N, C-alpha and C. Protein backbone atom coordinates (compact mmCIF):
# COMPACT_ATOMS: atom_id res chain seq x y z
N UNK A 1 56.42 -156.54 73.32
CA UNK A 1 55.44 -155.99 72.38
C UNK A 1 54.99 -157.10 71.44
N UNK A 2 53.69 -157.26 71.30
CA UNK A 2 53.17 -158.33 70.46
C UNK A 2 53.34 -158.01 68.98
N UNK A 3 53.62 -159.03 68.20
CA UNK A 3 53.71 -158.90 66.75
C UNK A 3 52.42 -159.46 66.18
N UNK A 4 51.58 -158.56 65.64
CA UNK A 4 50.28 -158.98 65.13
C UNK A 4 50.40 -159.88 63.91
N UNK A 5 51.57 -159.90 63.29
CA UNK A 5 51.76 -160.71 62.09
C UNK A 5 52.48 -162.03 62.36
N UNK A 6 52.59 -162.40 63.64
CA UNK A 6 53.28 -163.64 64.02
C UNK A 6 52.30 -164.60 64.68
N UNK A 7 52.52 -165.89 64.45
CA UNK A 7 51.69 -166.94 65.06
C UNK A 7 52.59 -167.95 65.75
N UNK A 8 52.05 -168.54 66.81
CA UNK A 8 52.70 -169.67 67.48
C UNK A 8 51.97 -170.93 67.09
N UNK A 9 52.71 -171.90 66.55
CA UNK A 9 52.15 -173.21 66.19
C UNK A 9 52.65 -174.23 67.21
N UNK A 10 51.73 -174.81 67.96
CA UNK A 10 52.05 -175.79 69.00
C UNK A 10 51.73 -177.17 68.46
N UNK A 11 52.77 -177.97 68.24
CA UNK A 11 52.62 -179.23 67.51
C UNK A 11 52.45 -180.42 68.47
N UNK A 12 51.30 -181.06 68.40
CA UNK A 12 51.07 -182.42 68.93
C UNK A 12 51.45 -182.62 70.40
N UNK A 13 51.06 -181.69 71.26
CA UNK A 13 51.32 -181.87 72.69
C UNK A 13 50.16 -182.70 73.26
N UNK A 14 50.23 -184.01 72.97
CA UNK A 14 49.15 -184.94 73.25
C UNK A 14 49.60 -186.04 74.20
N UNK A 15 48.64 -186.69 74.82
CA UNK A 15 48.97 -187.78 75.73
C UNK A 15 49.79 -188.86 75.06
N UNK A 16 49.52 -189.11 73.79
CA UNK A 16 50.23 -190.18 73.08
C UNK A 16 51.72 -189.97 72.96
N UNK A 17 52.15 -188.70 73.01
CA UNK A 17 53.57 -188.39 72.82
C UNK A 17 54.27 -187.98 74.11
N UNK A 18 53.55 -187.98 75.21
CA UNK A 18 54.14 -187.62 76.50
C UNK A 18 54.20 -188.87 77.38
N UNK A 19 54.95 -188.85 78.47
CA UNK A 19 55.16 -190.06 79.27
C UNK A 19 53.85 -190.78 79.60
N UNK A 20 53.87 -192.09 79.34
CA UNK A 20 52.67 -192.91 79.52
C UNK A 20 51.89 -193.12 78.24
N UNK A 21 52.24 -192.39 77.18
CA UNK A 21 51.53 -192.51 75.91
C UNK A 21 52.02 -193.67 75.07
N UNK A 22 51.27 -193.96 74.02
CA UNK A 22 51.60 -195.10 73.15
C UNK A 22 52.84 -194.87 72.31
N UNK A 23 53.21 -193.61 72.10
CA UNK A 23 54.44 -193.29 71.38
C UNK A 23 55.14 -192.15 72.15
N UNK A 24 55.41 -192.43 73.42
CA UNK A 24 55.94 -191.40 74.32
C UNK A 24 57.34 -190.96 73.89
N UNK A 25 57.56 -189.66 73.93
CA UNK A 25 58.85 -189.05 73.63
C UNK A 25 59.48 -188.64 74.96
N UNK A 26 60.71 -189.05 75.15
CA UNK A 26 61.40 -188.82 76.42
C UNK A 26 61.39 -187.34 76.81
N UNK A 27 60.98 -187.09 78.04
CA UNK A 27 60.99 -185.74 78.63
C UNK A 27 60.07 -184.75 77.92
N UNK A 28 59.16 -185.25 77.10
CA UNK A 28 58.30 -184.33 76.35
C UNK A 28 57.39 -183.50 77.26
N UNK A 29 57.05 -184.06 78.42
CA UNK A 29 56.20 -183.30 79.34
C UNK A 29 56.91 -182.08 79.92
N UNK A 30 58.24 -182.10 79.90
CA UNK A 30 58.99 -181.03 80.53
C UNK A 30 58.97 -179.72 79.74
N UNK A 31 58.57 -179.77 78.48
CA UNK A 31 58.49 -178.54 77.69
C UNK A 31 57.15 -177.84 77.84
N UNK A 32 56.16 -178.51 78.43
CA UNK A 32 54.81 -177.95 78.45
C UNK A 32 54.71 -176.65 79.25
N UNK A 33 55.32 -176.52 80.44
CA UNK A 33 55.23 -175.24 81.14
C UNK A 33 55.77 -174.07 80.32
N UNK A 34 56.84 -174.30 79.59
CA UNK A 34 57.39 -173.23 78.74
C UNK A 34 56.43 -172.86 77.62
N UNK A 35 55.79 -173.87 77.03
CA UNK A 35 54.83 -173.60 75.95
C UNK A 35 53.66 -172.78 76.48
N UNK A 36 53.19 -173.11 77.67
CA UNK A 36 52.08 -172.36 78.27
C UNK A 36 52.43 -170.88 78.42
N UNK A 37 53.68 -170.62 78.82
CA UNK A 37 54.13 -169.23 78.99
C UNK A 37 54.28 -168.55 77.64
N UNK A 38 54.87 -169.24 76.68
CA UNK A 38 55.07 -168.65 75.35
C UNK A 38 53.74 -168.27 74.71
N UNK A 39 52.74 -169.11 74.90
CA UNK A 39 51.45 -168.87 74.23
C UNK A 39 50.82 -167.54 74.64
N UNK A 40 51.15 -167.07 75.82
CA UNK A 40 50.59 -165.80 76.30
C UNK A 40 51.17 -164.60 75.56
N UNK A 41 52.24 -164.83 74.82
CA UNK A 41 52.91 -163.74 74.12
C UNK A 41 52.42 -163.56 72.68
N UNK A 42 51.47 -164.40 72.25
CA UNK A 42 51.01 -164.38 70.86
C UNK A 42 49.50 -164.16 70.80
N UNK A 43 49.08 -163.32 69.85
CA UNK A 43 47.65 -163.14 69.61
C UNK A 43 47.07 -164.26 68.77
N UNK A 44 47.90 -164.89 67.93
CA UNK A 44 47.46 -165.98 67.07
C UNK A 44 48.17 -167.26 67.50
N UNK A 45 47.41 -168.21 68.01
CA UNK A 45 47.96 -169.48 68.47
C UNK A 45 47.19 -170.62 67.81
N UNK A 46 47.94 -171.57 67.24
CA UNK A 46 47.35 -172.73 66.57
C UNK A 46 47.86 -174.00 67.24
N UNK A 47 46.96 -174.94 67.47
CA UNK A 47 47.33 -176.26 67.98
C UNK A 47 47.19 -177.28 66.87
N UNK A 48 48.11 -178.25 66.82
CA UNK A 48 47.92 -179.38 65.92
C UNK A 48 47.68 -180.63 66.76
N UNK A 49 46.94 -181.58 66.16
CA UNK A 49 46.53 -182.78 66.88
C UNK A 49 46.58 -183.98 65.93
N UNK A 50 47.47 -184.93 66.23
CA UNK A 50 47.47 -186.20 65.50
C UNK A 50 46.12 -186.88 65.73
N UNK A 51 45.51 -187.40 64.67
CA UNK A 51 44.11 -187.86 64.78
C UNK A 51 43.90 -189.03 63.82
N UNK A 52 44.48 -190.18 64.19
CA UNK A 52 44.54 -191.33 63.29
C UNK A 52 43.33 -192.25 63.39
N UNK A 53 43.05 -192.92 62.29
CA UNK A 53 42.12 -194.05 62.31
C UNK A 53 42.85 -195.28 62.83
N UNK A 54 42.11 -196.24 63.38
CA UNK A 54 42.74 -197.43 63.93
C UNK A 54 43.44 -198.26 62.86
N UNK A 55 42.96 -198.16 61.61
CA UNK A 55 43.56 -198.93 60.52
C UNK A 55 44.56 -198.11 59.72
N UNK A 56 45.18 -197.13 60.36
CA UNK A 56 46.06 -196.22 59.63
C UNK A 56 47.27 -196.95 59.05
N UNK A 57 47.65 -196.51 57.85
CA UNK A 57 48.72 -197.17 57.11
C UNK A 57 50.08 -197.05 57.79
N UNK A 58 50.24 -196.08 58.69
CA UNK A 58 51.53 -195.88 59.35
C UNK A 58 51.70 -196.74 60.60
N UNK A 59 50.67 -197.50 60.99
CA UNK A 59 50.74 -198.30 62.21
C UNK A 59 51.34 -199.66 61.92
N UNK A 60 52.37 -200.03 62.66
CA UNK A 60 53.04 -201.31 62.44
C UNK A 60 52.08 -202.48 62.64
N UNK A 61 51.11 -202.31 63.50
CA UNK A 61 50.14 -203.39 63.76
C UNK A 61 49.34 -203.75 62.52
N UNK A 62 49.31 -202.85 61.54
CA UNK A 62 48.56 -203.11 60.32
C UNK A 62 49.42 -203.67 59.19
N UNK A 63 50.66 -204.10 59.54
CA UNK A 63 51.58 -204.68 58.54
C UNK A 63 52.17 -205.95 59.12
N UNK A 64 51.66 -207.07 58.70
CA UNK A 64 52.07 -208.36 59.24
C UNK A 64 53.57 -208.60 59.03
N UNK A 65 54.25 -209.05 60.07
CA UNK A 65 55.66 -209.39 59.98
C UNK A 65 56.61 -208.22 60.13
N UNK A 66 56.08 -207.01 60.32
CA UNK A 66 56.93 -205.84 60.49
C UNK A 66 57.14 -205.52 61.96
N UNK A 67 58.25 -204.83 62.24
CA UNK A 67 58.58 -204.43 63.60
C UNK A 67 58.46 -202.90 63.72
N UNK A 68 58.19 -202.41 64.94
CA UNK A 68 58.12 -200.96 65.12
C UNK A 68 59.38 -200.25 64.64
N UNK A 69 59.18 -199.15 63.96
CA UNK A 69 60.22 -198.25 63.46
C UNK A 69 60.93 -198.77 62.21
N UNK A 70 60.50 -199.93 61.69
CA UNK A 70 60.93 -200.31 60.34
C UNK A 70 60.29 -199.32 59.35
N UNK A 71 60.79 -199.32 58.13
CA UNK A 71 60.21 -198.45 57.11
C UNK A 71 59.68 -199.27 55.94
N UNK A 72 58.70 -198.71 55.26
CA UNK A 72 58.19 -199.28 54.03
C UNK A 72 58.12 -198.17 52.99
N UNK A 73 58.00 -198.55 51.74
CA UNK A 73 57.87 -197.57 50.67
C UNK A 73 56.41 -197.49 50.22
N UNK A 74 55.86 -196.29 50.24
CA UNK A 74 54.51 -196.06 49.78
C UNK A 74 54.54 -195.10 48.59
N UNK A 75 53.38 -194.83 48.02
CA UNK A 75 53.33 -193.98 46.84
C UNK A 75 53.98 -192.62 47.07
N UNK A 76 53.89 -192.13 48.30
CA UNK A 76 54.41 -190.79 48.60
C UNK A 76 55.81 -190.80 49.18
N UNK A 77 56.43 -192.00 49.31
CA UNK A 77 57.80 -192.06 49.80
C UNK A 77 57.97 -193.04 50.94
N UNK A 78 59.06 -192.87 51.69
CA UNK A 78 59.39 -193.78 52.79
C UNK A 78 58.52 -193.47 54.00
N UNK A 79 57.95 -194.53 54.57
CA UNK A 79 57.08 -194.38 55.74
C UNK A 79 57.63 -195.18 56.91
N UNK A 80 57.86 -194.50 58.03
CA UNK A 80 58.20 -195.19 59.27
C UNK A 80 56.94 -195.86 59.81
N UNK A 81 57.08 -197.09 60.30
CA UNK A 81 55.96 -197.81 60.90
C UNK A 81 55.96 -197.58 62.41
N UNK A 82 54.99 -196.85 62.86
CA UNK A 82 54.90 -196.46 64.27
C UNK A 82 53.97 -197.40 65.05
N UNK A 83 54.21 -197.56 66.34
CA UNK A 83 53.19 -198.20 67.17
C UNK A 83 51.89 -197.37 67.09
N UNK A 84 50.76 -198.05 67.13
CA UNK A 84 49.48 -197.35 67.05
C UNK A 84 49.40 -196.26 68.12
N UNK A 85 48.98 -195.07 67.72
CA UNK A 85 48.96 -193.94 68.65
C UNK A 85 47.94 -192.92 68.20
N UNK A 86 47.47 -192.12 69.15
CA UNK A 86 46.58 -191.00 68.88
C UNK A 86 45.39 -191.38 67.98
N UNK A 87 44.76 -192.48 68.34
CA UNK A 87 43.58 -192.93 67.59
C UNK A 87 42.40 -192.02 67.93
N UNK A 88 41.67 -191.65 66.92
CA UNK A 88 40.58 -190.69 67.05
C UNK A 88 39.67 -191.00 68.24
N UNK A 89 39.44 -190.00 69.07
CA UNK A 89 38.53 -190.14 70.19
C UNK A 89 39.11 -190.82 71.42
N UNK A 90 40.36 -191.25 71.36
CA UNK A 90 40.97 -191.96 72.48
C UNK A 90 41.64 -190.99 73.45
N UNK A 91 41.88 -191.47 74.67
CA UNK A 91 42.64 -190.67 75.65
C UNK A 91 44.02 -190.35 75.10
N UNK A 92 44.61 -191.29 74.39
CA UNK A 92 45.95 -191.11 73.81
C UNK A 92 45.98 -189.91 72.87
N UNK A 93 44.87 -189.64 72.20
CA UNK A 93 44.82 -188.54 71.23
C UNK A 93 44.52 -187.19 71.86
N UNK A 94 44.06 -187.20 73.12
CA UNK A 94 43.72 -185.94 73.78
C UNK A 94 44.97 -185.09 74.01
N UNK A 95 44.78 -183.78 74.08
CA UNK A 95 45.87 -182.92 74.48
C UNK A 95 46.28 -183.25 75.92
N UNK A 96 47.58 -183.14 76.18
CA UNK A 96 48.06 -183.39 77.54
C UNK A 96 47.34 -182.44 78.50
N UNK A 97 46.86 -182.94 79.64
CA UNK A 97 46.10 -182.07 80.54
C UNK A 97 46.90 -180.92 81.12
N UNK A 98 48.24 -181.00 81.06
CA UNK A 98 49.06 -179.90 81.56
C UNK A 98 49.15 -178.75 80.56
N UNK A 99 48.76 -179.00 79.30
CA UNK A 99 48.77 -177.93 78.30
C UNK A 99 47.63 -176.98 78.62
N UNK A 100 47.96 -175.71 78.83
CA UNK A 100 46.98 -174.72 79.23
C UNK A 100 47.09 -173.51 78.31
N UNK A 101 46.39 -173.62 77.18
CA UNK A 101 46.47 -172.58 76.16
C UNK A 101 45.05 -172.18 75.75
N UNK A 102 44.33 -171.52 76.64
CA UNK A 102 42.93 -171.18 76.33
C UNK A 102 42.77 -170.18 75.20
N UNK A 103 43.85 -169.49 74.84
CA UNK A 103 43.76 -168.48 73.78
C UNK A 103 43.92 -169.07 72.38
N UNK A 104 44.19 -170.36 72.25
CA UNK A 104 44.34 -170.95 70.92
C UNK A 104 43.03 -170.84 70.15
N UNK A 105 43.11 -170.39 68.90
CA UNK A 105 41.90 -170.18 68.11
C UNK A 105 41.60 -171.30 67.13
N UNK A 106 42.60 -172.15 66.83
CA UNK A 106 42.41 -173.14 65.77
C UNK A 106 43.11 -174.43 66.15
N UNK A 107 42.43 -175.56 65.89
CA UNK A 107 43.05 -176.88 66.03
C UNK A 107 43.10 -177.51 64.64
N UNK A 108 44.30 -177.85 64.21
CA UNK A 108 44.49 -178.55 62.94
C UNK A 108 44.65 -180.03 63.25
N UNK A 109 43.70 -180.85 62.83
CA UNK A 109 43.82 -182.30 62.99
C UNK A 109 44.46 -182.88 61.75
N UNK A 110 45.42 -183.78 61.97
CA UNK A 110 46.18 -184.34 60.85
C UNK A 110 46.35 -185.84 61.02
N UNK A 111 46.55 -186.53 59.89
CA UNK A 111 46.72 -187.97 59.93
C UNK A 111 45.41 -188.73 59.96
N UNK A 112 44.30 -188.06 59.67
CA UNK A 112 43.00 -188.75 59.71
C UNK A 112 42.70 -189.50 58.43
N UNK A 113 43.45 -189.23 57.37
CA UNK A 113 43.33 -190.02 56.14
C UNK A 113 44.11 -191.31 56.33
N UNK A 114 43.43 -192.44 56.33
CA UNK A 114 44.08 -193.71 56.70
C UNK A 114 45.17 -194.13 55.74
N UNK A 115 45.20 -193.57 54.54
CA UNK A 115 46.17 -193.99 53.53
C UNK A 115 47.36 -193.06 53.38
N UNK A 116 47.39 -191.97 54.16
CA UNK A 116 48.51 -191.02 54.07
C UNK A 116 48.86 -190.57 55.48
N UNK A 117 50.13 -190.64 55.84
CA UNK A 117 50.53 -190.07 57.12
C UNK A 117 50.62 -188.55 56.97
N UNK A 118 50.69 -187.86 58.08
CA UNK A 118 50.71 -186.41 58.02
C UNK A 118 51.50 -185.88 59.20
N UNK A 119 52.75 -185.52 58.95
CA UNK A 119 53.58 -184.92 59.99
C UNK A 119 53.39 -183.41 60.04
N UNK A 120 53.37 -182.79 58.88
CA UNK A 120 53.33 -181.34 58.79
C UNK A 120 51.94 -180.80 59.12
N UNK A 121 51.91 -179.61 59.73
CA UNK A 121 50.65 -178.93 59.97
C UNK A 121 50.08 -178.29 58.70
N UNK A 122 50.88 -178.21 57.65
CA UNK A 122 50.46 -177.55 56.42
C UNK A 122 50.05 -178.51 55.32
N UNK A 123 50.80 -179.60 55.16
CA UNK A 123 50.55 -180.54 54.06
C UNK A 123 50.69 -181.97 54.56
N UNK A 124 49.87 -182.86 54.01
CA UNK A 124 50.03 -184.27 54.33
C UNK A 124 51.31 -184.79 53.67
N UNK A 125 51.67 -186.03 53.97
CA UNK A 125 52.98 -186.56 53.56
C UNK A 125 53.13 -186.72 52.06
N UNK A 126 52.04 -186.58 51.31
CA UNK A 126 52.16 -186.59 49.84
C UNK A 126 52.66 -185.26 49.31
N UNK A 127 52.82 -184.27 50.21
CA UNK A 127 53.30 -182.92 49.87
C UNK A 127 52.34 -182.17 48.94
N UNK A 128 51.10 -182.65 48.85
CA UNK A 128 50.12 -182.00 47.97
C UNK A 128 48.82 -181.64 48.69
N UNK A 129 48.38 -182.52 49.60
CA UNK A 129 47.08 -182.33 50.23
C UNK A 129 47.19 -181.33 51.38
N UNK A 130 46.52 -180.20 51.22
CA UNK A 130 46.63 -179.10 52.20
C UNK A 130 45.69 -179.32 53.38
N UNK A 131 46.14 -178.86 54.54
CA UNK A 131 45.31 -178.93 55.75
C UNK A 131 44.40 -177.71 55.91
N UNK A 132 44.71 -176.64 55.20
CA UNK A 132 43.98 -175.39 55.34
C UNK A 132 44.68 -174.37 56.22
N UNK A 133 45.78 -174.77 56.87
CA UNK A 133 46.46 -173.86 57.77
C UNK A 133 47.05 -172.65 57.04
N UNK A 134 47.61 -172.88 55.86
CA UNK A 134 48.20 -171.76 55.11
C UNK A 134 47.14 -170.69 54.84
N UNK A 135 45.96 -171.11 54.39
CA UNK A 135 44.90 -170.16 54.10
C UNK A 135 44.45 -169.41 55.34
N UNK A 136 44.36 -170.11 56.47
CA UNK A 136 43.94 -169.47 57.71
C UNK A 136 44.95 -168.39 58.11
N UNK A 137 46.23 -168.74 58.09
CA UNK A 137 47.25 -167.77 58.49
C UNK A 137 47.29 -166.58 57.54
N UNK A 138 47.10 -166.85 56.26
CA UNK A 138 47.12 -165.76 55.28
C UNK A 138 45.98 -164.78 55.52
N UNK A 139 44.80 -165.30 55.84
CA UNK A 139 43.67 -164.40 56.09
C UNK A 139 43.86 -163.61 57.39
N UNK A 140 44.68 -164.12 58.28
CA UNK A 140 45.02 -163.39 59.51
C UNK A 140 46.21 -162.46 59.31
N UNK A 141 46.73 -162.40 58.07
CA UNK A 141 47.88 -161.55 57.72
C UNK A 141 49.13 -161.95 58.50
N UNK A 142 49.26 -163.25 58.74
CA UNK A 142 50.44 -163.78 59.42
C UNK A 142 51.55 -164.01 58.40
N UNK A 143 52.74 -163.50 58.68
CA UNK A 143 53.88 -163.75 57.79
C UNK A 143 55.05 -164.43 58.51
N UNK A 144 54.92 -164.61 59.83
CA UNK A 144 55.99 -165.19 60.63
C UNK A 144 55.40 -166.24 61.56
N UNK A 145 56.06 -167.41 61.63
CA UNK A 145 55.58 -168.45 62.53
C UNK A 145 56.70 -168.92 63.45
N UNK A 146 56.33 -169.18 64.68
CA UNK A 146 57.20 -169.77 65.69
C UNK A 146 56.63 -171.14 66.01
N UNK A 147 57.48 -172.16 66.00
CA UNK A 147 56.99 -173.54 66.13
C UNK A 147 57.61 -174.20 67.35
N UNK A 148 56.76 -174.87 68.13
CA UNK A 148 57.18 -175.61 69.32
C UNK A 148 56.43 -176.94 69.33
N UNK A 149 56.85 -177.87 70.22
CA UNK A 149 56.07 -179.08 70.40
C UNK A 149 56.84 -180.36 70.15
N UNK A 150 56.10 -181.39 69.70
CA UNK A 150 56.60 -182.76 69.61
C UNK A 150 56.27 -183.31 68.21
N UNK A 151 57.15 -184.02 67.61
CA UNK A 151 58.53 -184.24 67.95
C UNK A 151 59.41 -183.38 67.03
N UNK A 152 60.50 -182.88 67.58
CA UNK A 152 61.38 -181.98 66.84
C UNK A 152 61.74 -182.52 65.48
N UNK A 153 62.08 -183.82 65.42
CA UNK A 153 62.65 -184.41 64.21
C UNK A 153 61.61 -184.96 63.24
N UNK A 154 60.34 -184.86 63.58
CA UNK A 154 59.31 -185.32 62.64
C UNK A 154 58.26 -184.22 62.43
N UNK A 155 57.24 -184.14 63.25
CA UNK A 155 56.15 -183.20 62.97
C UNK A 155 56.57 -181.74 63.08
N UNK A 156 57.44 -181.42 64.03
CA UNK A 156 57.93 -180.04 64.13
C UNK A 156 58.76 -179.69 62.89
N UNK A 157 59.69 -180.56 62.53
CA UNK A 157 60.57 -180.29 61.39
C UNK A 157 59.80 -180.17 60.08
N UNK A 158 58.89 -181.10 59.84
CA UNK A 158 58.13 -181.06 58.59
C UNK A 158 57.26 -179.80 58.54
N UNK A 159 56.68 -179.42 59.67
CA UNK A 159 55.88 -178.20 59.72
C UNK A 159 56.75 -176.98 59.41
N UNK A 160 57.93 -176.93 60.01
CA UNK A 160 58.82 -175.79 59.80
C UNK A 160 59.28 -175.69 58.35
N UNK A 161 59.66 -176.82 57.77
CA UNK A 161 60.14 -176.78 56.39
C UNK A 161 59.04 -176.40 55.41
N UNK A 162 57.83 -176.90 55.64
CA UNK A 162 56.72 -176.49 54.78
C UNK A 162 56.41 -175.01 54.96
N UNK A 163 56.53 -174.51 56.18
CA UNK A 163 56.28 -173.08 56.42
C UNK A 163 57.22 -172.22 55.58
N UNK A 164 58.51 -172.59 55.56
CA UNK A 164 59.48 -171.85 54.75
C UNK A 164 59.10 -171.91 53.28
N UNK A 165 58.79 -173.11 52.80
CA UNK A 165 58.44 -173.28 51.38
C UNK A 165 57.21 -172.46 50.99
N UNK A 166 56.33 -172.25 51.96
CA UNK A 166 55.10 -171.49 51.68
C UNK A 166 55.27 -170.00 51.90
N UNK A 167 56.50 -169.57 52.25
CA UNK A 167 56.81 -168.16 52.30
C UNK A 167 56.77 -167.51 53.67
N UNK A 168 56.62 -168.30 54.72
CA UNK A 168 56.60 -167.74 56.07
C UNK A 168 58.02 -167.63 56.62
N UNK A 169 58.30 -166.56 57.32
CA UNK A 169 59.53 -166.48 58.10
C UNK A 169 59.35 -167.42 59.28
N UNK A 170 60.29 -168.33 59.47
CA UNK A 170 60.03 -169.49 60.33
C UNK A 170 61.11 -169.67 61.38
N UNK A 171 60.65 -169.78 62.63
CA UNK A 171 61.53 -170.03 63.77
C UNK A 171 61.09 -171.31 64.48
N UNK A 172 62.05 -172.13 64.87
CA UNK A 172 61.78 -173.25 65.77
C UNK A 172 62.45 -172.93 67.10
N UNK A 173 61.68 -172.97 68.17
CA UNK A 173 62.20 -172.67 69.51
C UNK A 173 62.70 -173.99 70.10
N UNK A 174 64.00 -174.20 69.99
CA UNK A 174 64.58 -175.52 70.24
C UNK A 174 64.26 -176.07 71.64
N UNK A 175 64.37 -175.23 72.66
CA UNK A 175 64.17 -175.73 74.02
C UNK A 175 62.69 -175.78 74.41
N UNK A 176 61.80 -175.58 73.44
CA UNK A 176 60.37 -175.83 73.64
C UNK A 176 59.90 -176.94 72.72
N UNK A 177 60.86 -177.81 72.32
CA UNK A 177 60.54 -178.99 71.52
C UNK A 177 61.15 -180.22 72.18
N UNK A 178 60.65 -181.39 71.82
CA UNK A 178 61.19 -182.66 72.30
C UNK A 178 61.31 -183.61 71.11
N UNK A 179 62.41 -184.39 71.08
CA UNK A 179 62.73 -185.20 69.90
C UNK A 179 62.65 -186.69 70.18
N UNK A 180 62.32 -187.45 69.14
CA UNK A 180 62.39 -188.91 69.20
C UNK A 180 63.84 -189.35 69.02
N UNK A 181 64.54 -188.75 68.06
CA UNK A 181 65.92 -189.07 67.70
C UNK A 181 66.07 -190.55 67.37
N UNK A 182 65.46 -190.92 66.27
CA UNK A 182 65.46 -192.30 65.77
C UNK A 182 66.55 -192.46 64.72
N UNK A 183 67.61 -193.20 65.08
CA UNK A 183 68.70 -193.48 64.13
C UNK A 183 69.28 -192.20 63.52
N UNK A 184 69.53 -191.22 64.38
CA UNK A 184 70.14 -189.98 63.91
C UNK A 184 69.16 -188.99 63.31
N UNK A 185 67.87 -189.21 63.52
CA UNK A 185 66.86 -188.36 62.87
C UNK A 185 66.89 -186.92 63.35
N UNK A 186 67.32 -186.69 64.60
CA UNK A 186 67.32 -185.31 65.10
C UNK A 186 68.37 -184.47 64.40
N UNK A 187 69.58 -185.00 64.28
CA UNK A 187 70.65 -184.25 63.59
C UNK A 187 70.26 -183.99 62.15
N UNK A 188 69.72 -185.01 61.49
CA UNK A 188 69.30 -184.83 60.09
C UNK A 188 68.21 -183.77 59.97
N UNK A 189 67.25 -183.82 60.89
CA UNK A 189 66.15 -182.85 60.83
C UNK A 189 66.66 -181.42 60.98
N UNK A 190 67.58 -181.21 61.93
CA UNK A 190 68.11 -179.85 62.10
C UNK A 190 68.90 -179.41 60.89
N UNK A 191 69.69 -180.31 60.33
CA UNK A 191 70.43 -179.96 59.11
C UNK A 191 69.48 -179.57 57.99
N UNK A 192 68.43 -180.38 57.81
CA UNK A 192 67.45 -180.10 56.76
C UNK A 192 66.76 -178.76 57.01
N UNK A 193 66.37 -178.52 58.26
CA UNK A 193 65.67 -177.27 58.57
C UNK A 193 66.56 -176.05 58.34
N UNK A 194 67.78 -176.10 58.87
CA UNK A 194 68.67 -174.95 58.75
C UNK A 194 69.05 -174.69 57.30
N UNK A 195 69.22 -175.75 56.52
CA UNK A 195 69.61 -175.60 55.11
C UNK A 195 68.52 -174.95 54.27
N UNK A 196 67.28 -175.11 54.70
CA UNK A 196 66.18 -174.54 53.92
C UNK A 196 65.80 -173.13 54.38
N UNK A 197 66.34 -172.72 55.54
CA UNK A 197 66.10 -171.36 55.99
C UNK A 197 65.33 -171.23 57.29
N UNK A 198 65.03 -172.36 57.95
CA UNK A 198 64.44 -172.29 59.29
C UNK A 198 65.48 -171.72 60.26
N UNK A 199 65.05 -170.86 61.17
CA UNK A 199 65.95 -170.28 62.15
C UNK A 199 65.74 -170.94 63.52
N UNK A 200 66.84 -171.39 64.11
CA UNK A 200 66.79 -172.01 65.44
C UNK A 200 66.99 -170.92 66.49
N UNK A 201 66.04 -170.85 67.42
CA UNK A 201 66.16 -169.89 68.51
C UNK A 201 65.81 -170.60 69.82
N UNK A 202 65.87 -169.85 70.92
CA UNK A 202 65.58 -170.41 72.25
C UNK A 202 64.58 -169.50 72.97
N UNK A 203 64.00 -170.04 74.02
CA UNK A 203 62.95 -169.31 74.73
C UNK A 203 63.42 -167.92 75.15
N UNK A 204 64.66 -167.81 75.57
CA UNK A 204 65.19 -166.51 76.02
C UNK A 204 65.20 -165.47 74.91
N UNK A 205 65.13 -165.91 73.66
CA UNK A 205 65.16 -164.98 72.54
C UNK A 205 63.79 -164.34 72.28
N UNK A 206 62.74 -164.88 72.88
CA UNK A 206 61.39 -164.37 72.64
C UNK A 206 61.11 -163.18 73.55
């Protein structure tokens, strides 16, 4: 039975994060068939899409002498320096061709501000600049969100934690996500999510 007050948020299932991409996450392509099936169970489906400028502040190529995955301190906090990925209009930024979710009604593009990274589907990394997703869900009378996609320990986790802070009942479907797991980031992300009230579930629970 469909829950009219629930939404599925599919995070960053893009070529850049799947095998062959500029920031490929191991086995990320293997979750796509499950996501396609899950999407059929929701009336409200939202896709997010990393959409960076080539001169984005989070790209290691734009910081002389730095190595990939080093961190720097910016006005909004610690920033991981990523290999350039998901540049606007590029094949890398396109949704993976195996993603088949024709019922999705909204695409939230994030990370297009060159001076601020944006992991969360709700707020940019300054924790102030809204994407508009909260307003959209509220007008649809959505009070519960289920989150899947890439990467568990960054964009999925930040989206889930912001959802809780904004008052949504929030589930992350663990076996429909894929993680980078950078220096223990996956364990930390799950601890942070569970401590704030995110609920971990699995596909069989839906």
